[in-house]
């Protein structure tokens, strides 16, 4: 690293520290991304996923962080998962083993 490169890196770091102290968002810590739309899950989709994972409604509710009543109403089609629940359902549908890999559930 040349002396000029070192000085430029040091100056950039100091400017970032000053911006941070002033509460300005750091441009180096954010990036532009595209977020996929939330998937829509039917009552049958949810029940099929739960059964594929070999979970009771009670266990599935605990995994999802919702009440058993929520899972029951999702599976009856009288209610639908919220945004965060839909995102988690999508992750579980794509990679059902993730709950075990992350040690959220143990068999």
PDB file of N, CA and C in Angstrom:
ATOM      1  N   UNK A   1       0.850  -1.168   0.000  1.00  0.00           N
ATOM      2  CA  UNK A   1       0.000   0.000   0.000  1.00  0.00           C
ATOM      3  C   UNK A   1       0.898   1.234   0.000  1.00  0.00           C
ATOM      4  N   UNK A   2       0.640   2.121  -0.923  1.00  0.00           N
ATOM      5  CA  UNK A   2       1.435   3.341  -0.997  1.00  0.00           C
ATOM      6  C   UNK A   2       0.977   4.316   0.082  1.00  0.00           C
ATOM      7  N   UNK A   3       1.791   5.328   0.268  1.00  0.00           N
ATOM      8  CA  UNK A   3       1.471   6.348   1.260  1.00  0.00           C
ATOM      9  C   UNK A   3       0.180   7.086   0.896  1.00  0.00           C
ATOM     10  N   UNK A   4      -0.015   7.353  -0.407  1.00  0.00           N
ATOM     11  CA  UNK A   4      -1.240   8.025  -0.860  1.00  0.00           C
ATOM     12  C   UNK A   4      -2.475   7.168  -0.607  1.00  0.00           C
ATOM     13  N   UNK A   5      -2.380   5.855  -0.880  1.00  0.00           N
ATOM     14  CA  UNK A   5      -3.509   4.953  -0.654  1.00  0.00           C
ATOM     15  C   UNK A   5      -3.849   4.902   0.829  1.00  0.00           C
ATOM     16  N   UNK A   6      -2.808   4.840   1.658  1.00  0.00           N
ATOM     17  CA  UNK A   6      -3.018   4.808   3.098  1.00  0.00           C
ATOM     18  C   UNK A   6      -3.733   6.067   3.562  1.00  0.00           C
ATOM     19  N   UNK A   7      -3.249   7.229   3.089  1.00  0.00           N
ATOM     20  CA  UNK A   7      -3.868   8.500   3.467  1.00  0.00           C
ATOM     21  C   UNK A   7      -5.327   8.549   3.021  1.00  0.00           C
ATOM     22  N   UNK A   8      -5.621   8.124   1.784  1.00  0.00           N
ATOM     23  CA  UNK A   8      -6.992   8.137   1.269  1.00  0.00           C
ATOM     24  C   UNK A   8      -7.900   7.215   2.079  1.00  0.00           C
ATOM     25  N   UNK A   9      -7.414   6.023   2.424  1.00  0.00           N
ATOM     26  CA  UNK A   9      -8.192   5.093   3.246  1.00  0.00           C
ATOM     27  C   UNK A   9      -8.457   5.671   4.631  1.00  0.00           C
ATOM     28  N   UNK A  10      -7.445   6.286   5.198  1.00  0.00           N
ATOM     29  CA  UNK A  10      -7.584   6.885   6.521  1.00  0.00           C
ATOM     30  C   UNK A  10      -8.582   8.043   6.482  1.00  0.00           C
ATOM     31  N   UNK A  11      -8.482   8.882   5.455  1.00  0.00           N
ATOM     32  CA  UNK A  11      -9.405  10.002   5.315  1.00  0.00           C
ATOM     33  C   UNK A  11     -10.838   9.516   5.129  1.00  0.00           C
ATOM     34  N   UNK A  12     -11.031   8.498   4.299  1.00  0.00           N
ATOM     35  CA  UNK A  12     -12.365   7.940   4.067  1.00  0.00           C
ATOM     36  C   UNK A  12     -12.932   7.373   5.375  1.00  0.00           C
ATOM     37  N   UNK A  13     -12.103   6.678   6.123  1.00  0.00           N
ATOM     38  CA  UNK A  13     -12.549   6.100   7.400  1.00  0.00           C
ATOM     39  C   UNK A  13     -12.943   7.177   8.395  1.00  0.00           C
ATOM     40  N   UNK A  14     -12.160   8.240   8.451  1.00  0.00           N
ATOM     41  CA  UNK A  14     -12.484   9.332   9.366  1.00  0.00           C
ATOM     42  C   UNK A  14     -13.786  10.022   8.960  1.00  0.00           C
ATOM     43  N   UNK A  15     -13.981  10.228   7.670  1.00  0.00           N
ATOM     44  CA  UNK A  15     -15.233  10.829   7.197  1.00  0.00           C
ATOM     45  C   UNK A  15     -16.424   9.938   7.532  1.00  0.00           C
ATOM     46  N   UNK A  16     -16.274   8.636   7.408  1.00  0.00           N
ATOM     47  CA  UNK A  16     -17.344   7.708   7.764  1.00  0.00           C
ATOM     48  C   UNK A  16     -17.641   7.781   9.258  1.00  0.00           C
ATOM     49  N   UNK A  17     -16.591   7.889  10.069  1.00  0.00           N
ATOM     50  CA  UNK A  17     -16.777   7.984  11.517  1.00  0.00           C
ATOM     51  C   UNK A  17     -17.510   9.276  11.882  1.00  0.00           C
ATOM     52  N   UNK A  18     -17.171  10.368  11.216  1.00  0.00           N
ATOM     53  CA  UNK A  18     -17.836  11.646  11.463  1.00  0.00           C
ATOM     54  C   UNK A  18     -19.311  11.557  11.061  1.00  0.00           C
ATOM     55  N   UNK A  19     -19.578  10.981   9.880  1.00  0.00           N
ATOM     56  CA  UNK A  19     -20.970  10.810   9.422  1.00  0.00           C
ATOM     57  C   UNK A  19     -21.764   9.956  10.409  1.00  0.00           C
ATOM     58  N   UNK A  20     -21.135   8.887  10.888  1.00  0.00           N
ATOM     59  CA  UNK A  20     -21.804   8.006  11.847  1.00  0.00           C
ATOM     60  C   UNK A  20     -22.140   8.763  13.129  1.00  0.00           C
ATOM     61  N   UNK A  21     -21.191   9.559  13.608  1.00  0.00           N
ATOM     62  CA  UNK A  21     -21.411  10.332  14.834  1.00  0.00           C
ATOM     63  C   UNK A  21     -22.539  11.340  14.654  1.00  0.00           C
ATOM     64  N   UNK A  22     -22.722  11.825  13.426  1.00  0.00           N
ATOM     65  CA  UNK A  22     -23.790  12.784  13.136  1.00  0.00           C
ATOM     66  C   UNK A  22     -25.117  12.091  12.847  1.00  0.00           C
ATOM     67  N   UNK A  23     -25.113  10.750  12.851  1.00  0.00           N
ATOM     68  CA  UNK A  23     -26.335  10.006  12.614  1.00  0.00           C
ATOM     69  C   UNK A  23     -26.669   9.806  11.150  1.00  0.00           C
ATOM     70  N   UNK A  24     -25.729  10.085  10.290  1.00  0.00           N
ATOM     71  CA  UNK A  24     -25.960   9.890   8.859  1.00  0.00           C
ATOM     72  C   UNK A  24     -25.746   8.426   8.510  1.00  0.00           C
ATOM     73  N   UNK A  25     -26.620   7.861   7.655  1.00  0.00           N
ATOM     74  CA  UNK A  25     -26.438   6.458   7.261  1.00  0.00           C
ATOM     75  C   UNK A  25     -25.158   6.293   6.440  1.00  0.00           C
ATOM     76  N   UNK A  26     -24.489   5.200   6.674  1.00  0.00           N
ATOM     77  CA  UNK A  26     -23.243   4.918   5.961  1.00  0.00           C
ATOM     78  C   UNK A  26     -23.543   4.329   4.594  1.00  0.00           C
ATOM     79  N   UNK A  27     -22.947   4.908   3.588  1.00  0.00           N
ATOM     80  CA  UNK A  27     -23.140   4.391   2.230  1.00  0.00           C
ATOM     81  C   UNK A  27     -22.406   3.076   2.022  1.00  0.00           C
ATOM     82  N   UNK A  28     -21.387   2.830   2.809  1.00  0.00           N
ATOM     83  CA  UNK A  28     -20.621   1.601   2.632  1.00  0.00           C
ATOM     84  C   UNK A  28     -21.293   0.403   3.293  1.00  0.00           C
ATOM     85  N   UNK A  29     -22.266   0.643   4.143  1.00  0.00           N
ATOM     86  CA  UNK A  29     -22.901  -0.455   4.859  1.00  0.00           C
ATOM     87  C   UNK A  29     -24.269  -0.816   4.315  1.00  0.00           C
ATOM     88  N   UNK A  30     -24.686  -0.144   3.280  1.00  0.00           N
ATOM     89  CA  UNK A  30     -25.985  -0.466   2.695  1.00  0.00           C
ATOM     90  C   UNK A  30     -25.798  -0.815   1.235  1.00  0.00           C
ATOM     91  N   UNK A  31     -26.730  -1.564   0.716  1.00  0.00           N
ATOM     92  CA  UNK A  31     -26.702  -1.894  -0.692  1.00  0.00           C
ATOM     93  C   UNK A  31     -28.121  -1.973  -1.203  1.00  0.00           C
ATOM     94  N   UNK A  32     -28.255  -1.797  -2.479  1.00  0.00           N
ATOM     95  CA  UNK A  32     -29.562  -1.875  -3.097  1.00  0.00           C
ATOM     96  C   UNK A  32     -29.830  -3.317  -3.483  1.00  0.00           C
ATOM     97  N   UNK A  33     -30.975  -3.810  -3.054  1.00  0.00           N
ATOM     98  CA  UNK A  33     -31.349  -5.190  -3.349  1.00  0.00           C
ATOM     99  C   UNK A  33     -32.786  -5.225  -3.834  1.00  0.00           C
ATOM    100  N   UNK A  34     -33.125  -6.288  -4.512  1.00  0.00           N
ATOM    101  CA  UNK A  34     -34.514  -6.512  -4.891  1.00  0.00           C
ATOM    102  C   UNK A  34     -35.072  -7.579  -3.964  1.00  0.00           C
ATOM    103  N   UNK A  35     -36.217  -7.301  -3.384  1.00  0.00           N
ATOM    104  CA  UNK A  35     -36.860  -8.233  -2.465  1.00  0.00           C
ATOM    105  C   UNK A  35     -38.014  -8.899  -3.202  1.00  0.00           C
ATOM    106  N   UNK A  36     -38.007 -10.210  -3.196  1.00  0.00           N
ATOM    107  CA  UNK A  36     -39.060 -10.979  -3.841  1.00  0.00           C
ATOM    108  C   UNK A  36     -40.388 -10.727  -3.127  1.00  0.00           C
ATOM    109  N   UNK A  37     -41.455 -10.649  -3.896  1.00  0.00           N
ATOM    110  CA  UNK A  37     -42.779 -10.479  -3.298  1.00  0.00           C
ATOM    111  C   UNK A  37     -43.108 -11.651  -2.388  1.00  0.00           C
ATOM    112  N   UNK A  38     -43.937 -11.389  -1.391  1.00  0.00           N
ATOM    113  CA  UNK A  38     -44.362 -12.456  -0.491  1.00  0.00           C
ATOM    114  C   UNK A  38     -45.190 -13.481  -1.255  1.00  0.00           C
ATOM    115  N   UNK A  39     -44.940 -14.724  -0.947  1.00  0.00           N
ATOM    116  CA  UNK A  39     -45.711 -15.804  -1.565  1.00  0.00           C
ATOM    117  C   UNK A  39     -47.078 -15.887  -0.884  1.00  0.00           C
ATOM    118  N   UNK A  40     -48.069 -16.289  -1.640  1.00  0.00           N
ATOM    119  CA  UNK A  40     -49.400 -16.537  -1.080  1.00  0.00           C
ATOM    120  C   UNK A  40     -49.529 -18.027  -0.792  1.00  0.00           C
ATOM    121  N   UNK A  41     -49.942 -18.348   0.406  1.00  0.00           N
ATOM    122  CA  UNK A  41     -50.104 -19.737   0.799  1.00  0.00           C
ATOM    123  C   UNK A  41     -51.572 -20.039   0.997  1.00  0.00           C
ATOM    124  N   UNK A  42     -52.043 -21.101   0.351  1.00  0.00           N
ATOM    125  CA  UNK A  42     -53.416 -21.537   0.556  1.00  0.00           C
ATOM    126  C   UNK A  42     -53.460 -22.383   1.828  1.00  0.00           C
ATOM    127  N   UNK A  43     -54.660 -22.649   2.275  1.00  0.00           N
ATOM    128  CA  UNK A  43     -54.843 -23.511   3.445  1.00  0.00           C
ATOM    129  C   UNK A  43     -54.198 -24.870   3.197  1.00  0.00           C
ATOM    130  N   UNK A  44     -54.401 -25.396   1.998  1.00  0.00           N
ATOM    131  CA  UNK A  44     -53.836 -26.706   1.643  1.00  0.00           C
ATOM    132  C   UNK A  44     -52.310 -26.661   1.605  1.00  0.00           C
ATOM    133  N   UNK A  45     -51.728 -25.562   1.101  1.00  0.00           N
ATOM    134  CA  UNK A  45     -50.266 -25.411   1.064  1.00  0.00           C
ATOM    135  C   UNK A  45     -49.674 -25.515   2.471  1.00  0.00           C
ATOM    136  N   UNK A  46     -50.314 -24.836   3.392  1.00  0.00           N
ATOM    137  CA  UNK A  46     -49.802 -24.801   4.769  1.00  0.00           C
ATOM    138  C   UNK A  46     -49.912 -26.175   5.419  1.00  0.00           C
ATOM    139  N   UNK A  47     -51.058 -26.807   5.247  1.00  0.00           N
ATOM    140  CA  UNK A  47     -51.250 -28.133   5.838  1.00  0.00           C
ATOM    141  C   UNK A  47     -50.277 -29.140   5.221  1.00  0.00           C
ATOM    142  N   UNK A  48     -50.099 -29.062   3.915  1.00  0.00           N
ATOM    143  CA  UNK A  48     -49.177 -29.980   3.222  1.00  0.00           C
ATOM    144  C   UNK A  48     -47.753 -29.795   3.744  1.00  0.00           C
ATOM    145  N   UNK A  49     -47.326 -28.545   3.899  1.00  0.00           N
ATOM    146  CA  UNK A  49     -45.984 -28.278   4.422  1.00  0.00           C
ATOM    147  C   UNK A  49     -45.825 -28.842   5.825  1.00  0.00           C
ATOM    148  N   UNK A  50     -46.821 -28.586   6.670  1.00  0.00           N
ATOM    149  CA  UNK A  50     -46.754 -29.088   8.055  1.00  0.00           C
ATOM    150  C   UNK A  50     -46.657 -30.604   8.078  1.00  0.00           C
ATOM    151  N   UNK A  51     -47.459 -31.260   7.255  1.00  0.00           N
ATOM    152  CA  UNK A  51     -47.442 -32.730   7.225  1.00  0.00           C
ATOM    153  C   UNK A  51     -46.150 -33.263   6.631  1.00  0.00           C
ATOM    154  N   UNK A  52     -45.614 -32.588   5.630  1.00  0.00           N
ATOM    155  CA  UNK A  52     -44.324 -32.998   5.062  1.00  0.00           C
ATOM    156  C   UNK A  52     -43.213 -32.908   6.105  1.00  0.00           C
ATOM    157  N   UNK A  53     -43.327 -31.923   6.983  1.00  0.00           N
ATOM    158  CA  UNK A  53     -42.338 -31.760   8.046  1.00  0.00           C
ATOM    159  C   UNK A  53     -42.629 -32.693   9.215  1.00  0.00           C
ATOM    160  N   UNK A  54     -43.737 -33.444   9.126  1.00  0.00           N
ATOM    161  CA  UNK A  54     -44.164 -34.400  10.147  1.00  0.00           C
ATOM    162  C   UNK A  54     -44.349 -33.727  11.512  1.00  0.00           C
ATOM    163  N   UNK A  55     -45.031 -32.572  11.492  1.00  0.00           N
ATOM    164  CA  UNK A  55     -45.270 -31.830  12.718  1.00  0.00           C
ATOM    165  C   UNK A  55     -46.760 -31.765  13.023  1.00  0.00           C
ATOM    166  N   UNK A  56     -47.066 -31.772  14.309  1.00  0.00           N
ATOM    167  CA  UNK A  56     -48.440 -31.539  14.744  1.00  0.00           C
ATOM    168  C   UNK A  56     -48.721 -30.049  14.598  1.00  0.00           C
ATOM    169  N   UNK A  57     -49.988 -29.680  14.692  1.00  0.00           N
ATOM    170  CA  UNK A  57     -50.314 -28.258  14.646  1.00  0.00           C
ATOM    171  C   UNK A  57     -49.644 -27.517  15.807  1.00  0.00           C
ATOM    172  N   UNK A  58     -49.590 -28.152  16.951  1.00  0.00           N
ATOM    173  CA  UNK A  58     -48.960 -27.533  18.123  1.00  0.00           C
ATOM    174  C   UNK A  58     -47.473 -27.279  17.879  1.00  0.00           C
ATOM    175  N   UNK A  59     -46.764 -28.280  17.350  1.00  0.00           N
ATOM    176  CA  UNK A  59     -45.330 -28.125  17.076  1.00  0.00           C
ATOM    177  C   UNK A  59     -45.087 -27.102  15.969  1.00  0.00           C
ATOM    178  N   UNK A  60     -45.925 -27.149  14.936  1.00  0.00           N
ATOM    179  CA  UNK A  60     -45.785 -26.216  13.828  1.00  0.00           C
ATOM    180  C   UNK A  60     -46.016 -24.783  14.310  1.00  0.00           C
ATOM    181  N   UNK A  61     -46.999 -24.600  15.179  1.00  0.00           N
ATOM    182  CA  UNK A  61     -47.272 -23.275  15.745  1.00  0.00           C
ATOM    183  C   UNK A  61     -46.059 -22.774  16.536  1.00  0.00           C
ATOM    184  N   UNK A  62     -45.455 -23.659  17.332  1.00  0.00           N
ATOM    185  CA  UNK A  62     -44.273 -23.274  18.103  1.00  0.00           C
ATOM    186  C   UNK A  62     -43.123 -22.900  17.172  1.00  0.00           C
ATOM    187  N   UNK A  63     -42.935 -23.667  16.111  1.00  0.00           N
ATOM    188  CA  UNK A  63     -41.890 -23.374  15.135  1.00  0.00           C
ATOM    189  C   UNK A  63     -42.118 -22.007  14.500  1.00  0.00           C
ATOM    190  N   UNK A  64     -43.353 -21.717  14.143  1.00  0.00           N
ATOM    191  CA  UNK A  64     -43.689 -20.469  13.474  1.00  0.00           C
ATOM    192  C   UNK A  64     -43.759 -19.273  14.432  1.00  0.00           C
ATOM    193  N   UNK A  65     -43.842 -19.558  15.728  1.00  0.00           N
ATOM    194  CA  UNK A  65     -43.952 -18.477  16.709  1.00  0.00           C
ATOM    195  C   UNK A  65     -45.347 -17.878  16.765  1.00  0.00           C
ATOM    196  N   UNK A  66     -46.346 -18.729  16.504  1.00  0.00           N
ATOM    197  CA  UNK A  66     -47.744 -18.278  16.523  1.00  0.00           C
ATOM    198  C   UNK A  66     -48.544 -19.225  17.408  1.00  0.00           C
ATOM    199  N   UNK A  67     -49.797 -18.893  17.620  1.00  0.00           N
ATOM    200  CA  UNK A  67     -50.653 -19.750  18.430  1.00  0.00           C
ATOM    201  C   UNK A  67     -51.168 -20.927  17.590  1.00  0.00           C
ATOM    202  N   UNK A  68     -51.622 -21.957  18.291  1.00  0.00           N
ATOM    203  CA  UNK A  68     -52.231 -23.100  17.607  1.00  0.00           C
ATOM    204  C   UNK A  68     -53.476 -22.624  16.857  1.00  0.00           C
ATOM    205  N   UNK A  69     -54.201 -21.699  17.445  1.00  0.00           N
ATOM    206  CA  UNK A  69     -55.409 -21.152  16.797  1.00  0.00           C
ATOM    207  C   UNK A  69     -55.051 -20.530  15.446  1.00  0.00           C
ATOM    208  N   UNK A  70     -53.904 -19.886  15.353  1.00  0.00           N
ATOM    209  CA  UNK A  70     -53.483 -19.296  14.069  1.00  0.00           C
ATOM    210  C   UNK A  70     -53.282 -20.376  13.025  1.00  0.00           C
ATOM    211  N   UNK A  71     -52.558 -21.431  13.396  1.00  0.00           N
ATOM    212  CA  UNK A  71     -52.319 -22.525  12.449  1.00  0.00           C
ATOM    213  C   UNK A  71     -53.641 -23.164  12.044  1.00  0.00           C
ATOM    214  N   UNK A  72     -54.523 -23.385  13.011  1.00  0.00           N
ATOM    215  CA  UNK A  72     -55.837 -23.958  12.694  1.00  0.00           C
ATOM    216  C   UNK A  72     -56.594 -23.086  11.697  1.00  0.00           C
ATOM    217  N   UNK A  73     -56.584 -21.774  11.922  1.00  0.00           N
ATOM    218  CA  UNK A  73     -57.337 -20.881  11.027  1.00  0.00           C
ATOM    219  C   UNK A  73     -56.667 -20.778   9.654  1.00  0.00           C
ATOM    220  N   UNK A  74     -55.334 -20.873   9.601  1.00  0.00           N
ATOM    221  CA  UNK A  74     -54.646 -20.894   8.303  1.00  0.00           C
ATOM    222  C   UNK A  74     -55.063 -22.133   7.517  1.00  0.00           C
ATOM    223  N   UNK A  75     -55.089 -23.272   8.209  1.00  0.00           N
ATOM    224  CA  UNK A  75     -55.400 -24.534   7.542  1.00  0.00           C
ATOM    225  C   UNK A  75     -56.878 -24.645   7.162  1.00  0.00           C
ATOM    226  N   UNK A  76     -57.741 -23.894   7.831  1.00  0.00           N
ATOM    227  CA  UNK A  76     -59.157 -23.849   7.455  1.00  0.00           C
ATOM    228  C   UNK A  76     -59.390 -22.809   6.358  1.00  0.00           C
ATOM    229  N   UNK A  77     -58.437 -21.912   6.189  1.00  0.00           N
ATOM    230  CA  UNK A  77     -58.579 -20.852   5.200  1.00  0.00           C
ATOM    231  C   UNK A  77     -59.366 -19.656   5.694  1.00  0.00           C
ATOM    232  N   UNK A  78     -59.637 -19.603   7.007  1.00  0.00           N
ATOM    233  CA  UNK A  78     -60.393 -18.471   7.554  1.00  0.00           C
ATOM    234  C   UNK A  78     -59.487 -17.286   7.884  1.00  0.00           C
ATOM    235  N   UNK A  79     -58.201 -17.534   7.920  1.00  0.00           N
ATOM    236  CA  UNK A  79     -57.225 -16.480   8.177  1.00  0.00           C
ATOM    237  C   UNK A  79     -56.000 -16.783   7.336  1.00  0.00           C
ATOM    238  N   UNK A  80     -55.141 -15.778   7.130  1.00  0.00           N
ATOM    239  CA  UNK A  80     -53.950 -15.961   6.317  1.00  0.00           C
ATOM    240  C   UNK A  80     -52.721 -15.493   7.090  1.00  0.00           C
ATOM    241  N   UNK A  81     -51.577 -16.110   6.836  1.00  0.00           N
ATOM    242  CA  UNK A  81     -50.357 -15.717   7.545  1.00  0.00           C
ATOM    243  C   UNK A  81     -49.985 -14.261   7.280  1.00  0.00           C
ATOM    244  N   UNK A  82     -49.390 -13.633   8.282  1.00  0.00           N
ATOM    245  CA  UNK A  82     -48.896 -12.263   8.139  1.00  0.00           C
ATOM    246  C   UNK A  82     -47.668 -12.264   7.225  1.00  0.00           C
ATOM    247  N   UNK A  83     -47.144 -11.100   6.977  1.00  0.00           N
ATOM    248  CA  UNK A  83     -45.974 -10.972   6.115  1.00  0.00           C
ATOM    249  C   UNK A  83     -44.785 -11.788   6.586  1.00  0.00           C
ATOM    250  N   UNK A  84     -44.425 -11.647   7.860  1.00  0.00           N
ATOM    251  CA  UNK A  84     -43.258 -12.370   8.363  1.00  0.00           C
ATOM    252  C   UNK A  84     -43.518 -13.876   8.405  1.00  0.00           C
ATOM    253  N   UNK A  85     -44.732 -14.270   8.736  1.00  0.00           N
ATOM    254  CA  UNK A  85     -45.075 -15.694   8.745  1.00  0.00           C
ATOM    255  C   UNK A  85     -45.035 -16.256   7.322  1.00  0.00           C
ATOM    256  N   UNK A  86     -45.504 -15.475   6.362  1.00  0.00           N
ATOM    257  CA  UNK A  86     -45.453 -15.915   4.961  1.00  0.00           C
ATOM    258  C   UNK A  86     -44.016 -16.095   4.495  1.00  0.00           C
ATOM    259  N   UNK A  87     -43.143 -15.174   4.907  1.00  0.00           N
ATOM    260  CA  UNK A  87     -41.731 -15.282   4.516  1.00  0.00           C
ATOM    261  C   UNK A  87     -41.114 -16.542   5.120  1.00  0.00           C
ATOM    262  N   UNK A  88     -41.416 -16.816   6.386  1.00  0.00           N
ATOM    263  CA  UNK A  88     -40.890 -18.022   7.032  1.00  0.00           C
ATOM    264  C   UNK A  88     -41.466 -19.274   6.383  1.00  0.00           C
ATOM    265  N   UNK A  89     -42.743 -19.263   6.039  1.00  0.00           N
ATOM    266  CA  UNK A  89     -43.344 -20.409   5.349  1.00  0.00           C
ATOM    267  C   UNK A  89     -42.638 -20.665   4.018  1.00  0.00           C
ATOM    268  N   UNK A  90     -42.304 -19.596   3.318  1.00  0.00           N
ATOM    269  CA  UNK A  90     -41.613 -19.742   2.042  1.00  0.00           C
ATOM    270  C   UNK A  90     -40.233 -20.370   2.231  1.00  0.00           C
ATOM    271  N   UNK A  91     -39.530 -19.933   3.255  1.00  0.00           N
ATOM    272  CA  UNK A  91     -38.206 -20.509   3.554  1.00  0.00           C
ATOM    273  C   UNK A  91     -38.357 -21.985   3.892  1.00  0.00           C
ATOM    274  N   UNK A  92     -39.326 -22.313   4.728  1.00  0.00           N
ATOM    275  CA  UNK A  92     -39.540 -23.708   5.118  1.00  0.00           C
ATOM    276  C   UNK A  92     -39.983 -24.570   3.935  1.00  0.00           C
ATOM    277  N   UNK A  93     -40.789 -23.999   3.037  1.00  0.00           N
ATOM    278  CA  UNK A  93     -41.213 -24.752   1.856  1.00  0.00           C
ATOM    279  C   UNK A  93     -40.008 -25.056   0.961  1.00  0.00           C
ATOM    280  N   UNK A  94     -39.118 -24.083   0.814  1.00  0.00           N
ATOM    281  CA  UNK A  94     -37.949 -24.263  -0.048  1.00  0.00           C
ATOM    282  C   UNK A  94     -36.868 -25.121   0.588  1.00  0.00           C
ATOM    283  N   UNK A  95     -36.746 -25.022   1.909  1.00  0.00           N
ATOM    284  CA  UNK A  95     -35.717 -25.783   2.626  1.00  0.00           C
ATOM    285  C   UNK A  95     -36.258 -26.252   3.974  1.00  0.00           C
ATOM    286  N   UNK A  96     -37.101 -27.283   3.972  1.00  0.00           N
ATOM    287  CA  UNK A  96     -37.716 -27.720   5.230  1.00  0.00           C
ATOM    288  C   UNK A  96     -36.710 -28.184   6.279  1.00  0.00           C
ATOM    289  N   UNK A  97     -35.532 -28.560   5.858  1.00  0.00           N
ATOM    290  CA  UNK A  97     -34.517 -29.029   6.801  1.00  0.00           C
ATOM    291  C   UNK A  97     -33.863 -27.886   7.583  1.00  0.00           C
ATOM    292  N   UNK A  98     -34.118 -26.642   7.186  1.00  0.00           N
ATOM    293  CA  UNK A  98     -33.465 -25.512   7.829  1.00  0.00           C
ATOM    294  C   UNK A  98     -33.796 -25.414   9.328  1.00  0.00           C
ATOM    295  N   UNK A  99     -34.984 -25.816   9.705  1.00  0.00           N
ATOM    296  CA  UNK A  99     -35.369 -25.759  11.123  1.00  0.00           C
ATOM    297  C   UNK A  99     -34.509 -26.698  11.969  1.00  0.00           C
ATOM    298  N   UNK A 100     -34.189 -27.853  11.417  1.00  0.00           N
ATOM    299  CA  UNK A 100     -33.312 -28.777  12.126  1.00  0.00           C
ATOM    300  C   UNK A 100     -31.864 -28.318  12.061  1.00  0.00           C
ATOM    301  N   UNK A 101     -31.431 -27.833  10.900  1.00  0.00           N
ATOM    302  CA  UNK A 101     -30.058 -27.369  10.744  1.00  0.00           C
ATOM    303  C   UNK A 101     -29.748 -26.206  11.699  1.00  0.00           C
ATOM    304  N   UNK A 102     -30.730 -25.351  11.918  1.00  0.00           N
ATOM    305  CA  UNK A 102     -30.543 -24.214  12.820  1.00  0.00           C
ATOM    306  C   UNK A 102     -30.854 -24.577  14.269  1.00  0.00           C
ATOM    307  N   UNK A 103     -31.148 -25.847  14.491  1.00  0.00           N
ATOM    308  CA  UNK A 103     -31.450 -26.378  15.824  1.00  0.00           C
ATOM    309  C   UNK A 103     -32.644 -25.682  16.471  1.00  0.00           C
ATOM    310  N   UNK A 104     -33.605 -25.285  15.609  1.00  0.00           N
ATOM    311  CA  UNK A 104     -34.855 -24.728  16.108  1.00  0.00           C
ATOM    312  C   UNK A 104     -35.750 -25.851  16.581  1.00  0.00           C
ATOM    313  N   UNK A 105     -35.678 -26.971  15.855  1.00  0.00           N
ATOM    314  CA  UNK A 105     -36.372 -28.188  16.280  1.00  0.00           C
ATOM    315  C   UNK A 105     -35.346 -29.308  16.317  1.00  0.00           C
ATOM    316  N   UNK A 106     -35.582 -30.275  17.169  1.00  0.00           N
ATOM    317  CA  UNK A 106     -34.704 -31.441  17.210  1.00  0.00           C
ATOM    318  C   UNK A 106     -35.565 -32.691  17.148  1.00  0.00           C
ATOM    319  N   UNK A 107     -35.034 -33.678  16.501  1.00  0.00           N
ATOM    320  CA  UNK A 107     -35.786 -34.921  16.307  1.00  0.00           C
ATOM    321  C   UNK A 107     -35.177 -36.020  17.108  1.00  0.00           C
TER     322      UNK A 107
END
